[in-house]
Amino acid sequence: ENAIVVVVIFYTPAFRAPMFLLIGSLASADLLAGLGLILHFAFVYLAPSEAVSLLTVGLLVTSFTASVCSLLTITIDRYLSLYNALTYYSERTVTRTYIMLILTWGASICYGLLPVMGWNCLKEPPTCSIVRPLTKNHLIILSVSFFMVFAVMLQLYVQICKIVCRHAHQIAVQRHFLASSHYVTTRKGIATLAIILGTFASCWLPFAVYCLLGDYTYPALYTYVTLLPATYNSMLNPVIYAFRNQEIQKVLWAVCCGCFSSTLPFRSHSPSDV
């Protein structure tokens, strides 16, 4: 799923808008997370090695962190598209998008390199967390960072709801003069955001809470059970973000029909439509 999204966005010049770049970042992170999981379990059970374990765990930390941060950047982008609707389509938005992408992947890579650079528990087993070879302190930092991201996303969601209510009131007052298409579009974006926020919380909260409460002496099965829903988030993200988008649907249908064209016409969108 994520590979399809990455390929479609990469090979379609029309998908160079900020919102599609952020969706591409999310799909890339989730794609790496899936590949990282396959490699990790393959090496753990087929060719166990401490050095390879550090690399695969580092890849997982990087990809999952980038996935969570990409969700935050998309939420920020949607909020700004509503809060600054008149100035959203400007060069400042493009610059801001690239800055968010650089910060997202820069922070994610730094987190992922920590185990490789020596912050691991291979030499001191008592400091291990539920995710070997990550230390307990490293996993606590990741969990706290997740709760901070979730809190920011929740706050932005509340602010978006307030903006929608204000728009709805203005439309109600001037209903004989203003079309309702803008409100319908915004309401669709809010519904999508609610689905994303609920999915995000239900997928990641079990693992984040267990990271804070669990101990390295607990059976590995507990870790796998709580981590499994988190992997579902990477599978559901392309369905929620990409495949529901009409422009991406048009390209996919064109590919299926054998008439792919990178210059397919697109109408201008705000991120609320995604």
Protein backbone atom coordinates (compact mmCIF):
# COMPACT_ATOMS: atom_id res chain seq x y z
CA GLU A 1 0.00 0.00 0.00
CA ASN A 2 2.65 2.50 1.01
CA ALA A 3 4.87 1.62 -1.93
CA ILE A 4 2.01 2.41 -4.32
CA VAL A 5 1.50 5.82 -2.68
CA VAL A 6 5.23 6.62 -2.86
CA VAL A 7 5.47 5.63 -6.53
CA VAL A 8 2.33 7.56 -7.53
CA ILE A 9 3.46 10.76 -5.79
CA PHE A 10 7.05 10.45 -7.04
CA TYR A 11 6.14 9.91 -10.70
CA THR A 12 3.32 12.47 -10.85
CA PRO A 13 4.60 16.06 -11.20
CA ALA A 14 1.14 17.39 -10.32
CA PHE A 15 1.65 15.96 -6.81
CA ARG A 16 4.31 18.47 -5.80
CA ALA A 17 1.95 20.46 -3.58
CA PRO A 18 2.89 20.60 0.13
CA MET A 19 0.06 18.33 1.24
CA PHE A 20 1.16 15.56 -1.16
CA LEU A 21 4.79 15.91 -0.10
CA LEU A 22 3.73 15.34 3.52
CA ILE A 23 1.63 12.34 2.53
CA GLY A 24 4.62 11.01 0.61
CA SER A 25 6.76 11.44 3.71
CA LEU A 26 4.23 9.48 5.76
CA ALA A 27 4.03 6.70 3.18
CA SER A 28 7.82 6.50 2.97
CA ALA A 29 8.12 6.20 6.74
CA ASP A 30 5.46 3.49 6.90
CA LEU A 31 7.11 1.65 4.00
CA LEU A 32 10.43 1.66 5.86
CA ALA A 33 8.66 0.48 9.01
CA GLY A 34 7.25 -2.53 7.17
CA LEU A 35 10.60 -3.39 5.62
CA GLY A 36 12.30 -2.89 8.98
CA LEU A 37 9.94 -5.32 10.70
CA ILE A 38 10.55 -7.97 8.05
CA LEU A 39 14.33 -7.57 8.29
CA HIS A 40 14.30 -7.51 12.08
CA PHE A 41 12.36 -10.73 12.54
CA ALA A 42 14.23 -12.41 9.68
CA PHE A 43 17.60 -11.74 11.29
CA VAL A 44 16.38 -12.44 14.83
CA TYR A 45 15.16 -15.93 13.97
CA LEU A 46 17.36 -16.88 11.00
CA ALA A 47 20.72 -15.19 11.59
CA PRO A 48 20.88 -13.65 15.08
CA SER A 49 23.55 -10.99 15.41
CA GLU A 50 23.96 -8.13 17.89
CA ALA A 51 25.32 -5.75 15.25
CA VAL A 52 22.49 -6.48 12.81
CA SER A 53 19.98 -6.21 15.66
CA LEU A 54 21.22 -2.69 16.40
CA LEU A 55 20.83 -1.71 12.74
CA THR A 56 17.33 -3.16 12.34
CA VAL A 57 16.09 -1.71 15.64
CA GLY A 58 17.60 1.64 14.64
CA LEU A 59 15.73 1.44 11.32
CA LEU A 60 12.48 0.68 13.16
CA VAL A 61 12.96 3.57 15.58
CA THR A 62 13.71 5.92 12.68
CA SER A 63 10.75 4.82 10.54
CA PHE A 64 8.15 4.72 13.30
CA THR A 65 9.32 8.09 14.65
CA ALA A 66 9.13 9.57 11.16
CA SER A 67 5.64 8.12 10.74
CA VAL A 68 4.35 9.68 13.96
CA CYS A 69 6.04 13.00 13.19
CA SER A 70 4.64 12.99 9.65
CA LEU A 71 1.15 12.64 11.09
CA LEU A 72 1.87 15.70 13.22
CA THR A 73 3.13 17.73 10.25
CA ILE A 74 0.04 16.85 8.23
CA THR A 75 -2.15 17.96 11.14
CA ILE A 76 -0.22 21.24 11.39
CA ASP A 77 -0.55 21.77 7.64
CA ARG A 78 -4.30 21.24 7.77
CA TYR A 79 -4.67 23.61 10.67
CA LEU A 80 -2.68 26.34 8.92
CA SER A 81 -4.66 25.83 5.70
CA LEU A 82 -7.80 26.77 7.62
CA TYR A 83 -6.32 29.36 9.96
CA ASN A 84 -4.43 31.17 7.16
CA ALA A 85 -6.65 30.25 4.23
CA LEU A 86 -5.90 33.44 2.27
CA THR A 87 -2.12 33.12 2.45
CA TYR A 88 -1.82 29.34 2.41
CA TYR A 89 -1.07 29.11 -1.32
CA SER A 90 2.21 31.01 -1.18
CA GLU A 91 5.93 30.36 -1.29
CA ARG A 92 6.00 30.55 2.51
CA THR A 93 3.89 27.38 2.70
CA VAL A 94 6.30 25.49 0.44
CA THR A 95 9.28 26.64 2.50
CA ARG A 96 7.53 25.69 5.74
CA THR A 97 6.76 22.25 4.35
CA TYR A 98 10.39 21.56 3.48
CA ILE A 99 11.48 22.76 6.92
CA MET A 100 9.00 20.40 8.59
CA LEU A 101 10.21 17.52 6.44
CA ILE A 102 13.84 18.23 7.30
CA LEU A 103 13.07 18.46 11.02
CA THR A 104 10.94 15.30 10.90
CA TRP A 105 13.52 13.11 9.23
CA GLY A 106 16.45 14.75 10.99
CA ALA A 107 15.00 14.05 14.43
CA SER A 108 13.93 10.54 13.40
CA ILE A 109 17.38 9.62 12.11
CA CYS A 110 18.98 10.98 15.29
CA TYR A 111 16.67 8.83 17.42
CA GLY A 112 17.45 5.80 15.28
CA LEU A 113 21.20 6.30 15.46
CA LEU A 114 21.30 6.37 19.26
CA PRO A 115 21.44 2.55 19.67
CA VAL A 116 24.10 2.26 16.96
CA MET A 117 26.19 5.05 18.50
CA GLY A 118 26.38 3.23 21.83
CA TRP A 119 23.16 4.01 23.69
CA ASN A 120 22.13 0.37 24.07
CA CYS A 121 21.98 -2.26 26.79
CA LEU A 122 24.11 -4.98 25.21
CA LYS A 123 26.84 -4.56 27.84
CA GLU A 124 24.44 -3.85 30.74
CA PRO A 125 21.40 -6.14 30.48
CA PRO A 126 19.69 -4.72 33.61
CA THR A 127 19.27 -1.38 31.79
CA CYS A 128 17.35 -3.02 28.93
CA SER A 129 13.81 -2.03 28.11
CA ILE A 130 11.02 -4.22 26.77
CA VAL A 131 12.53 -3.62 23.31
CA ARG A 132 16.02 -5.07 23.37
CA PRO A 133 18.61 -3.59 22.81
CA LEU A 134 17.05 -0.21 23.60
CA THR A 135 17.67 1.09 27.09
CA LYS A 136 14.82 1.92 29.42
CA ASN A 137 15.70 5.63 29.32
CA HIS A 138 15.73 5.65 25.51
CA LEU A 139 12.30 4.05 25.34
CA ILE A 140 10.94 6.45 27.98
CA ILE A 141 12.08 9.39 25.86
CA LEU A 142 10.36 7.91 22.81
CA SER A 143 7.14 7.30 24.77
CA VAL A 144 7.09 10.79 26.28
CA SER A 145 7.71 12.24 22.81
CA PHE A 146 4.73 10.27 21.52
CA PHE A 147 2.45 11.64 24.25
CA MET A 148 3.64 15.17 23.45
CA VAL A 149 2.88 14.67 19.75
CA PHE A 150 -0.53 13.26 20.58
CA ALA A 151 -1.29 16.21 22.88
CA VAL A 152 -0.32 18.72 20.16
CA MET A 153 -2.46 16.89 17.58
CA LEU A 154 -5.41 16.85 19.98
CA GLN A 155 -5.02 20.58 20.65
CA LEU A 156 -4.86 21.34 16.93
CA TYR A 157 -7.96 19.20 16.39
CA VAL A 158 -9.84 21.27 18.98
CA GLN A 159 -8.72 24.48 17.28
CA ILE A 160 -9.80 23.18 13.87
CA CYS A 161 -13.22 22.33 15.30
CA LYS A 162 -13.53 25.91 16.57
CA ILE A 163 -12.63 27.27 13.13
CA VAL A 164 -15.22 25.02 11.50
CA CYS A 165 -17.89 26.16 13.93
CA ARG A 166 -17.05 29.78 13.19
CA HIS A 167 -17.22 29.12 9.45
CA ALA A 168 -20.55 27.34 9.88
CA HIS A 169 -21.92 30.31 11.78
CA GLN A 170 -20.82 32.75 9.09
CA ILE A 171 -22.38 30.59 6.40
CA ALA A 172 -25.62 30.33 8.37
CA VAL A 173 -25.78 34.11 8.70
CA GLN A 174 -25.16 34.66 5.00
CA ARG A 175 -26.70 31.46 3.65
CA HIS A 176 -28.51 33.32 0.87
CA PHE A 177 -25.25 34.70 -0.48
CA LEU A 178 -22.59 32.09 0.23
CA ALA A 179 -22.41 28.58 -1.21
CA SER A 180 -22.10 25.72 1.23
CA SER A 181 -19.36 23.95 -0.72
CA HIS A 182 -16.60 25.40 1.45
CA TYR A 183 -18.30 24.20 4.61
CA VAL A 184 -18.89 20.75 3.15
CA THR A 185 -15.24 20.53 2.18
CA THR A 186 -14.09 21.65 5.62
CA ARG A 187 -16.47 19.25 7.35
CA LYS A 188 -15.06 16.41 5.27
CA GLY A 189 -11.56 17.36 6.37
CA ILE A 190 -12.64 17.44 10.02
CA ALA A 191 -14.26 14.01 9.73
CA THR A 192 -11.08 12.65 8.17
CA LEU A 193 -8.99 14.21 10.92
CA ALA A 194 -11.24 12.67 13.58
CA ILE A 195 -10.79 9.24 12.00
CA ILE A 196 -7.03 9.74 11.86
CA LEU A 197 -6.80 10.92 15.46
CA GLY A 198 -8.91 8.02 16.73
CA THR A 199 -6.96 5.49 14.70
CA PHE A 200 -3.66 6.98 15.80
CA ALA A 201 -4.59 6.83 19.49
CA SER A 202 -6.02 3.31 19.42
CA CYS A 203 -2.99 1.97 17.54
CA TRP A 204 -0.18 3.60 19.49
CA LEU A 205 -1.47 4.14 23.03
CA PRO A 206 -1.19 0.47 24.14
CA PHE A 207 2.46 0.26 23.17
CA ALA A 208 3.34 3.72 24.51
CA VAL A 209 1.80 2.95 27.91
CA TYR A 210 3.47 -0.47 28.06
CA CYS A 211 6.84 1.13 27.28
CA LEU A 212 6.49 3.19 30.46
CA LEU A 213 5.15 0.41 32.68
CA GLY A 214 6.82 -2.72 31.27
CA ASP A 215 10.06 -4.30 32.41
CA TYR A 216 12.71 -6.20 30.48
CA THR A 217 11.97 -9.31 32.55
CA TYR A 218 8.42 -9.51 31.17
CA PRO A 219 7.75 -12.09 28.40
CA ALA A 220 8.44 -10.84 24.88
CA LEU A 221 4.90 -11.85 23.96
CA TYR A 222 3.58 -8.80 25.86
CA THR A 223 5.73 -6.54 23.74
CA TYR A 224 4.57 -8.14 20.49
CA VAL A 225 0.90 -7.93 21.50
CA THR A 226 1.11 -4.19 22.25
CA LEU A 227 3.32 -3.44 19.24
CA LEU A 228 1.04 -5.22 16.79
CA PRO A 229 -1.65 -2.46 16.81
CA ALA A 230 1.10 0.10 16.16
CA THR A 231 2.03 -1.73 12.97
CA TYR A 232 -1.62 -1.55 11.92
CA ASN A 233 -1.30 2.22 11.92
CA SER A 234 1.26 2.02 9.12
CA MET A 235 -1.14 -0.18 7.17
CA LEU A 236 -4.16 2.08 7.73
CA ASN A 237 -2.43 5.41 7.02
CA PRO A 238 -2.40 5.04 3.20
CA VAL A 239 -6.08 4.08 3.26
CA ILE A 240 -7.02 7.11 5.36
CA TYR A 241 -4.71 9.69 3.79
CA ALA A 242 -3.99 8.66 0.23
CA PHE A 243 -6.55 6.30 -1.25
CA ARG A 244 -9.46 8.50 -0.14
CA ASN A 245 -8.03 11.43 -2.07
CA GLN A 246 -9.77 11.99 -5.41
CA GLU A 247 -6.62 13.05 -7.28
CA ILE A 248 -4.72 9.93 -6.23
CA GLN A 249 -7.77 7.83 -7.10
CA LYS A 250 -7.77 9.32 -10.61
CA VAL A 251 -4.12 8.40 -11.13
CA LEU A 252 -4.65 4.87 -9.81
CA TRP A 253 -7.64 4.35 -12.08
CA ALA A 254 -5.61 5.69 -15.01
CA VAL A 255 -2.82 3.23 -14.22
CA CYS A 256 -5.29 0.36 -14.00
CA CYS A 257 -6.77 1.34 -17.35
CA GLY A 258 -3.34 1.54 -18.95
CA CYS A 259 -3.63 5.21 -19.74
CA PHE A 260 -1.31 6.72 -17.15
CA SER A 261 -0.33 10.32 -17.73
CA SER A 262 1.69 12.46 -15.36
CA THR A 263 -0.08 15.56 -16.67
CA LEU A 264 -3.56 14.61 -15.62
CA PRO A 265 -5.64 17.72 -14.79
CA PHE A 266 -6.11 18.45 -11.11
CA ARG A 267 -8.23 21.00 -9.37
CA SER A 268 -6.70 23.10 -6.62
CA HIS A 269 -7.16 21.62 -3.19
CA SER A 270 -6.68 22.61 0.37
CA PRO A 271 -5.36 19.95 2.77
CA SER A 272 -8.85 19.68 4.27
CA ASP A 273 -9.86 17.68 1.21
CA VAL A 274 -7.21 15.03 1.78
